[in-house]
Protein backbone atom coordinates (compact mmCIF):
# COMPACT_ATOMS: atom_id res chain seq x y z
CA MET A 1 120.53 111.48 110.61
CA GLU A 2 121.54 109.36 113.82
CA ASP A 3 122.75 106.19 113.05
CA TRP A 4 123.28 107.05 109.22
CA VAL A 5 127.06 107.59 107.91
CA LYS A 6 128.42 109.76 104.71
CA LEU A 7 129.44 107.48 102.17
CA GLU A 8 130.65 110.35 99.27
CA SER A 9 130.43 113.80 98.24
CA PHE A 10 129.91 114.47 94.72
CA ASP A 11 129.97 117.62 92.83
CA ARG A 12 126.74 116.54 90.87
CA PRO A 13 123.37 115.03 91.68
CA HIS A 14 123.26 112.44 88.86
CA GLN A 15 126.95 111.10 90.07
CA ALA A 16 125.16 110.60 94.07
CA GLU A 17 122.06 109.37 92.26
CA ILE A 18 123.45 106.52 90.09
CA ARG A 19 124.98 105.39 93.56
CA LYS A 20 121.61 105.45 95.44
CA THR A 21 120.15 103.48 92.46
CA ILE A 22 122.81 100.68 92.43
CA LEU A 23 122.61 100.52 96.64
CA GLU A 24 119.15 100.22 96.66
CA GLN A 25 119.10 97.49 94.11
CA ASN A 26 121.09 95.74 96.19
CA ASN A 27 118.55 96.25 99.28
CA ILE A 28 120.59 99.04 100.98
CA ASN A 29 118.60 102.17 101.89
CA ALA A 30 120.32 105.07 100.68
CA VAL A 31 119.80 108.99 101.33
CA VAL A 32 121.11 111.52 98.93
CA ILE A 33 121.31 115.11 100.78
CA ASN A 34 121.77 118.20 99.08
CA ALA A 35 124.37 120.44 100.97
CA LYS A 36 124.85 123.10 98.22
CA ASP A 37 124.78 125.76 101.15
CA SER A 38 127.71 124.43 102.52
CA LEU A 39 130.69 126.89 102.69
CA PHE A 40 132.57 124.46 100.92
CA LEU A 41 132.62 124.09 96.54
CA ILE A 42 133.09 120.77 96.07
CA GLY A 43 130.86 117.84 97.57
CA GLU A 44 127.39 119.26 97.50
CA TYR A 45 125.62 116.15 96.94
CA GLU A 46 126.19 113.38 99.86
CA LEU A 47 125.50 109.51 100.00
CA TYR A 48 124.80 108.33 103.25
CA VAL A 49 123.84 104.98 104.64
CA ARG A 50 122.95 103.60 107.54
CA LYS A 51 125.75 102.50 109.73
CA GLU A 52 125.61 98.56 109.59
CA ASP A 53 125.61 99.00 106.06
CA GLU A 54 128.76 100.98 104.99
CA LYS A 55 131.28 98.02 104.58
CA MET A 56 128.84 96.64 102.61
CA ALA A 57 128.01 99.72 100.60
CA HIS A 58 131.53 100.79 99.89
CA ALA A 59 132.07 96.90 98.41
CA ILE A 60 129.18 97.53 96.08
CA ILE A 61 130.04 100.91 94.64
CA GLU A 62 133.55 99.72 94.07
CA GLU A 63 132.40 97.30 91.49
CA PHE A 64 130.30 99.95 89.62
CA HIS A 65 132.66 102.72 89.17
CA GLY A 66 133.03 103.53 85.72
CA LEU A 67 129.58 103.28 84.56
CA THR A 68 126.56 105.80 85.00
CA LYS A 69 123.01 105.13 84.41
CA VAL A 70 121.92 107.42 81.88
CA ASP A 71 118.16 106.25 81.05
CA SER A 72 115.79 103.39 82.59
CA PHE A 73 112.40 101.61 81.23
CA ILE A 74 110.35 98.60 81.71
CA LEU A 75 110.29 97.71 78.21
CA SER A 76 113.90 96.95 76.47
CA LYS A 77 113.19 98.04 73.10
CA PRO A 78 112.85 101.99 73.39
CA LEU A 79 116.29 101.59 75.22
CA GLU A 80 117.91 99.58 72.71
CA ASN A 81 116.60 102.28 70.14
CA LEU A 82 118.65 104.80 71.93
CA ARG A 83 121.44 102.85 72.44
CA ASP A 84 122.01 101.80 69.11
CA ILE A 85 122.08 105.59 68.04
CA LEU A 86 124.54 106.26 71.20
CA VAL A 87 126.65 103.59 69.59
CA GLN A 88 126.50 104.82 66.34
CA ASN A 89 128.10 108.02 67.45
CA ASN A 90 130.86 106.21 69.09
CA ILE A 91 129.30 106.17 72.67
CA GLN A 92 129.94 102.69 74.23
CA ALA A 93 126.35 102.05 75.74
CA GLU A 94 124.92 98.79 77.40
CA ILE A 95 121.54 97.77 79.08
CA LYS A 96 121.24 95.99 81.79
CA LYS A 97 118.72 93.84 82.97
CA CYS A 98 117.16 94.61 86.60
CA SER A 99 116.09 91.64 88.22
CA ASN A 100 115.40 93.25 91.56
CA PRO A 101 111.19 92.86 92.03
CA ARG A 102 110.92 96.07 93.94
CA TYR A 103 111.76 98.03 90.42
CA VAL A 104 109.13 96.52 87.93
CA LEU A 105 108.37 99.38 86.80
CA ASN A 106 112.49 99.80 85.72
CA ASN A 107 113.27 96.43 84.26
CA TYR A 108 115.57 97.60 81.82
CA GLU A 109 118.60 100.21 82.56
CA LEU A 110 120.70 101.72 80.05
CA PHE A 111 124.43 102.61 81.15
CA VAL A 112 127.06 104.81 79.58
CA PRO A 113 131.03 105.36 80.80
CA THR A 114 130.90 108.26 83.19
CA ASP A 115 133.70 109.91 81.16
CA ASP A 116 130.85 110.34 77.80
CA ILE A 117 128.07 111.79 80.08
CA GLU A 118 129.24 115.20 78.78
CA ARG A 119 128.65 113.92 75.10
CA THR A 120 125.51 111.86 75.83
CA GLN A 121 123.59 114.85 77.12
CA PRO A 122 122.96 116.21 73.91
CA PHE A 123 121.10 113.06 73.18
CA LEU A 124 118.73 112.77 76.39
CA SER A 125 117.95 116.41 75.91
CA GLY A 126 117.08 114.87 72.19
CA GLU A 127 118.77 117.77 70.58
CA LYS A 128 120.71 115.01 68.66
CA LEU A 129 118.34 112.78 68.13
CA GLU A 130 118.11 113.24 64.64
CA GLY A 131 115.89 111.68 62.71
CA TRP A 132 113.46 111.51 65.69
CA SER A 133 110.80 113.79 67.03
CA LEU A 134 109.18 114.38 70.59
CA LEU A 135 105.51 112.69 70.18
CA GLU A 136 104.01 113.49 74.29
CA THR A 137 105.54 113.86 77.51
CA CYS A 138 103.92 111.75 80.37
CA PHE A 139 104.58 111.96 84.37
CA ARG A 140 104.56 108.26 85.23
CA THR A 141 106.11 104.95 83.80
CA ARG A 142 102.82 102.86 83.37
CA GLN A 143 101.23 105.94 81.41
CA THR A 144 104.32 105.67 79.62
CA ARG A 145 104.24 102.35 78.75
CA PHE A 146 100.93 101.77 77.63
CA ARG A 147 101.24 104.34 74.81
CA VAL A 148 104.35 102.44 74.40
CA GLU A 149 102.56 99.39 73.56
CA LEU A 150 99.85 101.21 71.99
CA LEU A 151 102.41 102.62 69.16
CA ALA A 152 104.16 99.20 69.00
CA GLU A 153 101.03 97.49 67.73
CA LYS A 154 101.18 100.15 64.88
CA HIS A 155 104.81 99.00 64.32
CA ILE A 156 105.76 102.63 65.36
CA PRO A 157 109.44 102.61 66.72
CA THR A 158 110.15 104.54 69.99
CA ILE A 159 112.73 106.32 72.40
CA VAL A 160 111.86 106.66 75.85
CA ILE A 161 113.95 109.15 77.71
CA LYS A 162 113.52 109.88 81.73
CA LYS A 163 114.26 113.62 82.14
CA ARG A 164 115.78 115.26 85.21
CA ASP A 165 115.10 118.77 87.03
CA GLU A 166 118.45 120.68 88.07
CA GLN A 167 117.80 118.45 91.64
CA TYR A 168 117.81 115.17 89.74
CA MET A 169 114.38 114.68 90.40
CA LYS A 170 112.13 112.84 87.86
CA SER A 171 109.81 115.34 86.08
CA GLU A 172 109.05 114.16 82.79
CA ILE A 173 109.36 111.07 80.32
CA ASP A 174 109.66 111.91 77.09
CA ILE A 175 108.25 109.60 74.12
CA TYR A 176 110.34 110.08 70.78
CA VAL A 177 109.29 108.36 67.38
CA LYS A 178 110.86 108.48 64.09
CA THR A 179 109.86 111.69 62.38
CA PRO A 180 108.11 110.20 59.59
CA ASP A 181 106.22 108.38 61.66
CA LEU A 182 104.88 111.11 64.03
CA GLU A 183 101.39 112.32 62.20
CA ASN A 184 100.53 108.65 62.56
CA ALA A 185 101.57 108.42 66.09
CA ARG A 186 99.59 111.15 67.28
CA GLN A 187 96.51 109.79 65.48
CA THR A 188 97.08 106.43 67.07
CA LEU A 189 97.12 107.97 70.51
CA ALA A 190 94.39 110.53 69.44
CA ASP A 191 91.83 107.71 68.55
CA LEU A 192 92.62 104.86 70.84
CA ILE A 193 91.02 102.29 68.89
CA GLY A 194 89.56 99.46 70.80
CA TRP A 195 90.11 101.68 73.98
CA ILE A 196 86.91 103.29 76.15
CA LYS A 197 86.03 106.01 78.37
CA ILE A 198 84.86 105.19 81.24
CA SER A 199 85.11 108.26 84.01
CA GLN A 200 86.21 111.68 84.24
CA TYR A 201 88.42 113.17 87.31
CA THR A 202 88.62 117.13 87.94
CA MET A 203 91.91 116.18 90.15
CA LEU A 204 94.78 114.04 88.69
CA HIS A 205 95.45 112.29 91.88
CA ARG A 206 91.64 110.98 91.74
CA ALA A 207 92.71 109.28 88.25
CA GLU A 208 95.77 107.84 89.55
CA ILE A 209 94.07 105.85 92.38
CA ARG A 210 91.42 104.34 89.93
CA GLU A 211 94.24 103.56 87.52
CA ASN A 212 96.31 101.75 90.33
CA LEU A 213 93.12 100.05 91.40
CA LEU A 214 92.28 98.86 87.76
CA GLY A 215 96.38 97.86 87.30
CA LYS A 216 96.16 95.92 90.32
CA HIS A 217 93.32 93.84 88.62
CA ASP A 218 95.42 93.41 85.37
CA ILE A 219 93.37 95.79 83.39
CA ARG A 220 95.26 98.54 81.41
CA SER A 221 94.27 102.65 81.60
CA ILE A 222 95.26 105.46 80.22
CA ILE A 223 94.63 108.88 81.88
CA VAL A 224 94.11 111.64 79.08
CA ASN A 225 94.53 115.19 79.77
CA ASN A 226 91.60 116.82 78.41
CA ASN A 227 91.45 120.45 78.78
CA GLY A 228 92.13 120.28 82.46
CA ASN A 229 89.88 117.48 83.25
CA TYR A 230 91.54 113.83 83.57
CA ASP A 231 89.69 110.77 81.12
CA LEU A 232 90.19 107.20 82.25
CA TYR A 233 90.21 104.71 79.43
CA VAL A 234 90.17 101.17 79.30
CA GLU A 235 90.55 98.55 76.54
CA CYS A 236 86.86 97.68 75.45
CA SER A 237 87.39 94.34 76.15
CA ASN A 238 87.54 95.06 80.14
CA GLU A 239 84.73 97.91 80.04
CA GLU A 240 82.28 96.13 82.48
CA LYS A 241 84.73 94.74 84.71
CA ALA A 242 86.50 98.30 85.05
CA ILE A 243 83.41 100.24 85.60
CA SER A 244 81.97 97.68 88.07
CA LEU A 245 85.48 98.17 89.72
CA ILE A 246 85.23 101.87 89.78
CA ASN A 247 81.40 102.27 90.81
CA GLU A 248 82.21 100.05 94.00
CA LYS A 249 81.79 103.78 95.33
CA LYS A 250 84.83 103.54 97.56
CA GLU A 251 85.71 106.74 99.44
CA TRP A 252 89.71 106.48 99.29
CA LYS A 253 91.63 107.79 102.42
CA LYS A 254 95.39 108.41 103.00
CA THR A 255 96.62 105.43 105.35
CA ALA A 256 100.54 106.31 105.69
CA THR A 257 103.12 107.72 103.69
CA TYR A 258 106.69 106.18 103.08
CA THR A 259 109.79 107.50 101.71
CA SER A 260 110.47 104.30 99.78
CA GLN A 261 108.78 102.10 97.31
CA ILE A 262 109.92 98.98 98.87
CA GLU A 263 108.18 100.14 102.33
CA ALA A 264 105.09 100.69 100.69
CA ASP A 265 104.51 97.61 99.00
CA TYR A 266 105.26 95.48 102.23
CA ALA A 267 102.70 97.32 103.85
CA ILE A 268 100.23 96.59 100.99
CA ALA A 269 100.94 93.00 101.00
CA VAL A 270 100.38 92.79 104.79
CA LEU A 271 97.05 94.62 104.60
CA GLU A 272 95.94 92.48 101.56
CA LYS A 273 96.93 89.59 103.06
CA ALA A 274 94.27 91.10 105.82
CA GLY A 275 91.98 91.44 103.17
CA ILE A 276 92.05 95.19 102.73
CA GLU A 277 92.89 96.55 99.35
CA ALA A 278 95.39 99.57 98.96
CA VAL A 279 96.61 101.53 96.59
CA THR A 280 99.54 103.94 96.28
CA ILE A 281 100.38 107.25 94.71
CA THR A 282 104.18 108.33 94.58
CA ARG A 283 105.19 112.35 95.17
CA LEU A 284 107.96 114.14 95.75
CA ASP A 285 108.73 115.37 98.78
CA ARG A 286 110.26 118.75 98.14
CA SER A 287 111.53 119.77 101.73
CA PHE A 288 114.23 116.45 101.31
CA ASN A 289 116.08 116.42 98.32
CA PHE A 290 115.76 113.19 96.08
CA ILE A 291 113.21 111.29 98.42
CA PHE A 292 109.90 110.43 96.78
CA ASP A 293 107.00 110.49 99.36
CA VAL A 294 104.42 107.22 98.58
CA ASP A 295 101.14 107.77 99.95
CA LEU A 296 99.24 104.63 100.90
CA TYR A 297 95.42 104.63 100.48
CA VAL A 298 92.81 102.52 101.47
CA ASP A 299 88.95 102.69 101.55
CA ASP A 300 87.24 104.59 104.30
CA LEU A 301 85.42 101.47 105.48
CA ASN A 302 88.71 99.80 106.16
CA TYR A 303 90.72 103.07 107.56
CA ASP A 304 90.71 101.97 111.15
CA ALA A 305 91.39 98.33 110.71
CA ALA A 306 94.29 99.03 108.28
CA VAL A 307 95.74 102.04 110.90
CA GLU A 308 95.61 99.20 113.33
CA ILE A 309 97.79 96.70 111.26
CA LEU A 310 100.50 99.35 109.88
CA ASN A 311 100.91 100.35 113.35
CA ASN A 312 101.77 97.11 114.38
CA LEU A 313 104.19 96.11 112.02
CA PRO A 314 107.77 96.28 112.82
CA GLY A 315 109.69 99.20 112.65
CA SER A 316 106.30 101.60 112.78
CA GLU A 317 106.64 104.70 114.59
CA ASN A 318 103.57 103.66 117.04
CA GLU A 319 105.15 100.11 117.81
């Protein structure tokens, strides 16, 4: 961690993680280190920034003391439904729109006073969401969004809650609907009326690569777990275009790995400017708490050219 300095220490992971998010939204790289093996009883979660960002980071954090982010999503309505429930239970809650383009999958964020975190937790776990039932659990924001949009077309309200494990790593995204709408919602997602299956994969990451590829061409796609296989659906109106893209028979090869989405997005922009199509898959690097690795893939025919371009980027290891 040379050239990095510890900004603060915290007893609980969410306290460090919310500040990390705030800093990243202000274009300051930050890392949370789990120091729970320390001999000390406090300060288990340490927040680090680069030395040159220390002064600015302190100023930004000072502005946000007192609020903690408890949820986020690309659409506002599911968060509004959760906010209304919290307010009805005398928990002050507010939604802020995230204007930073690198957070396009989390456009809206729900905050509550830090002092109310303990009272908020039973709602986030679903325990106190009276009148609402768990419909489905997803693992990717975009897949959650498409399901929520399908339900909205049927006028079925939703609540989306991003759950974290004990290390505050994103693990699940739960979709809730009002209990009277539960069966209708299940049928809507089972029928997928207006959608058609175009391919099936035995490995999830292969389906995700195609989903990302289609998304780059403005084609919505839904991945459905079918007894261990992964079916890829698109809207019927996009069937021909989607099949054409899928059938290009590209062999996707991992070209680079990044520890931040902004670095991966920049690499993609550079490659696409050179005429090389690229997609990313985000995964957790469990050897370093709270860091999500972003793997960048290009098709095999462009692999050598992509590697050369990426190696010449400013700050690359092989520069």
